[in-house]
N, C-alpha and C. Protein backbone atom coordinates (compact mmCIF):
# COMPACT_ATOMS: atom_id res chain seq x y z
N UNK A 1 -3.39 11.38 5.81
CA UNK A 1 -3.60 11.06 4.41
C UNK A 1 -3.69 9.54 4.26
N UNK A 2 -4.75 9.05 3.61
CA UNK A 2 -4.90 7.63 3.38
C UNK A 2 -4.04 7.19 2.20
N UNK A 3 -3.46 6.01 2.34
CA UNK A 3 -2.65 5.46 1.26
C UNK A 3 -3.34 4.22 0.72
N UNK A 4 -3.41 4.10 -0.58
CA UNK A 4 -3.97 2.92 -1.22
C UNK A 4 -2.99 2.45 -2.28
N UNK A 5 -2.64 1.18 -2.20
CA UNK A 5 -1.78 0.57 -3.21
C UNK A 5 -2.54 -0.62 -3.76
N UNK A 6 -2.68 -0.68 -5.07
CA UNK A 6 -3.39 -1.78 -5.71
C UNK A 6 -2.38 -2.61 -6.49
N UNK A 7 -2.45 -3.93 -6.29
CA UNK A 7 -1.54 -4.83 -6.97
C UNK A 7 -2.37 -5.83 -7.77
N UNK A 8 -2.14 -5.88 -9.07
CA UNK A 8 -2.81 -6.86 -9.93
C UNK A 8 -2.12 -8.21 -9.74
N UNK A 9 -2.92 -9.25 -9.70
CA UNK A 9 -2.38 -10.59 -9.44
C UNK A 9 -2.66 -11.54 -10.61
N UNK A 10 -1.77 -12.48 -10.77
CA UNK A 10 -1.99 -13.63 -11.64
C UNK A 10 -1.68 -14.86 -10.81
N UNK A 11 -2.33 -15.96 -11.12
CA UNK A 11 -2.12 -17.19 -10.38
C UNK A 11 -0.63 -17.54 -10.34
N UNK A 12 -0.14 -17.75 -9.12
CA UNK A 12 1.26 -18.15 -8.95
C UNK A 12 2.26 -17.01 -8.95
N UNK A 13 1.79 -15.76 -8.99
CA UNK A 13 2.71 -14.63 -9.08
C UNK A 13 3.32 -14.22 -7.75
N UNK A 14 2.70 -14.66 -6.64
CA UNK A 14 3.21 -14.27 -5.32
C UNK A 14 2.79 -12.87 -4.92
N UNK A 15 1.78 -12.35 -5.59
CA UNK A 15 1.33 -10.99 -5.33
C UNK A 15 0.86 -10.73 -3.91
N UNK A 16 0.18 -11.70 -3.30
CA UNK A 16 -0.29 -11.51 -1.92
C UNK A 16 0.88 -11.33 -0.97
N UNK A 17 1.90 -12.16 -1.13
CA UNK A 17 3.07 -12.06 -0.26
C UNK A 17 3.80 -10.74 -0.50
N UNK A 18 3.91 -10.33 -1.74
CA UNK A 18 4.56 -9.05 -2.06
C UNK A 18 3.77 -7.91 -1.44
N UNK A 19 2.45 -7.95 -1.57
CA UNK A 19 1.60 -6.91 -0.99
C UNK A 19 1.77 -6.81 0.51
N UNK A 20 1.83 -7.97 1.17
CA UNK A 20 2.02 -7.97 2.62
C UNK A 20 3.37 -7.38 3.01
N UNK A 21 4.40 -7.71 2.26
CA UNK A 21 5.73 -7.17 2.55
C UNK A 21 5.77 -5.66 2.35
N UNK A 22 5.13 -5.18 1.29
CA UNK A 22 5.09 -3.74 1.05
C UNK A 22 4.33 -3.04 2.18
N UNK A 23 3.18 -3.60 2.56
CA UNK A 23 2.38 -3.01 3.63
C UNK A 23 3.17 -2.95 4.94
N UNK A 24 3.89 -4.02 5.25
CA UNK A 24 4.70 -4.03 6.47
C UNK A 24 5.79 -2.96 6.41
N UNK A 25 6.46 -2.85 5.28
CA UNK A 25 7.55 -1.87 5.18
C UNK A 25 7.03 -0.43 5.24
N UNK A 26 5.81 -0.20 4.75
CA UNK A 26 5.22 1.14 4.79
C UNK A 26 4.38 1.38 6.05
N UNK A 27 4.26 0.34 6.86
CA UNK A 27 3.48 0.39 8.10
C UNK A 27 2.04 0.81 7.84
N UNK A 28 1.41 0.14 6.85
CA UNK A 28 0.01 0.35 6.54
C UNK A 28 -0.71 -0.99 6.55
N UNK A 29 -2.04 -0.96 6.63
CA UNK A 29 -2.83 -2.18 6.64
C UNK A 29 -2.83 -2.82 5.26
N UNK A 30 -2.97 -4.13 5.24
CA UNK A 30 -3.05 -4.88 3.99
C UNK A 30 -4.38 -5.63 3.96
N UNK A 31 -5.19 -5.36 2.95
CA UNK A 31 -6.46 -6.04 2.77
C UNK A 31 -6.46 -6.70 1.41
N UNK A 32 -6.80 -7.97 1.36
CA UNK A 32 -6.89 -8.62 0.06
C UNK A 32 -8.35 -8.90 -0.27
N UNK A 33 -8.58 -9.46 -1.44
CA UNK A 33 -9.95 -9.68 -1.90
C UNK A 33 -10.73 -10.60 -0.97
N UNK A 34 -10.05 -11.51 -0.32
CA UNK A 34 -10.73 -12.41 0.64
C UNK A 34 -11.34 -11.61 1.78
N UNK A 35 -10.60 -10.64 2.30
CA UNK A 35 -11.09 -9.80 3.39
C UNK A 35 -12.29 -8.97 2.91
N UNK A 36 -12.18 -8.39 1.75
CA UNK A 36 -13.24 -7.54 1.21
C UNK A 36 -14.51 -8.37 0.99
N UNK A 37 -14.38 -9.57 0.46
CA UNK A 37 -15.53 -10.44 0.23
C UNK A 37 -16.22 -10.78 1.54
N UNK A 38 -15.46 -11.13 2.56
CA UNK A 38 -16.04 -11.46 3.86
C UNK A 38 -16.72 -10.25 4.49
N UNK A 39 -16.11 -9.07 4.36
CA UNK A 39 -16.69 -7.87 4.93
C UNK A 39 -18.01 -7.52 4.24
N UNK A 40 -18.10 -7.80 2.94
CA UNK A 40 -19.31 -7.48 2.19
C UNK A 40 -20.48 -8.39 2.58
N UNK A 41 -20.16 -9.60 3.04
CA UNK A 41 -21.22 -10.53 3.45
C UNK A 41 -21.89 -10.02 4.69
């Protein structure tokens, strides 16, 4: 079963770091918008 967690971000909220910590604790991959943008190119 695939797991997807979406986190809304605001500048300075620390959302990327929180997302990475959650992904590590759940042992799932973490992809942010930077990765998606590069993959789309």
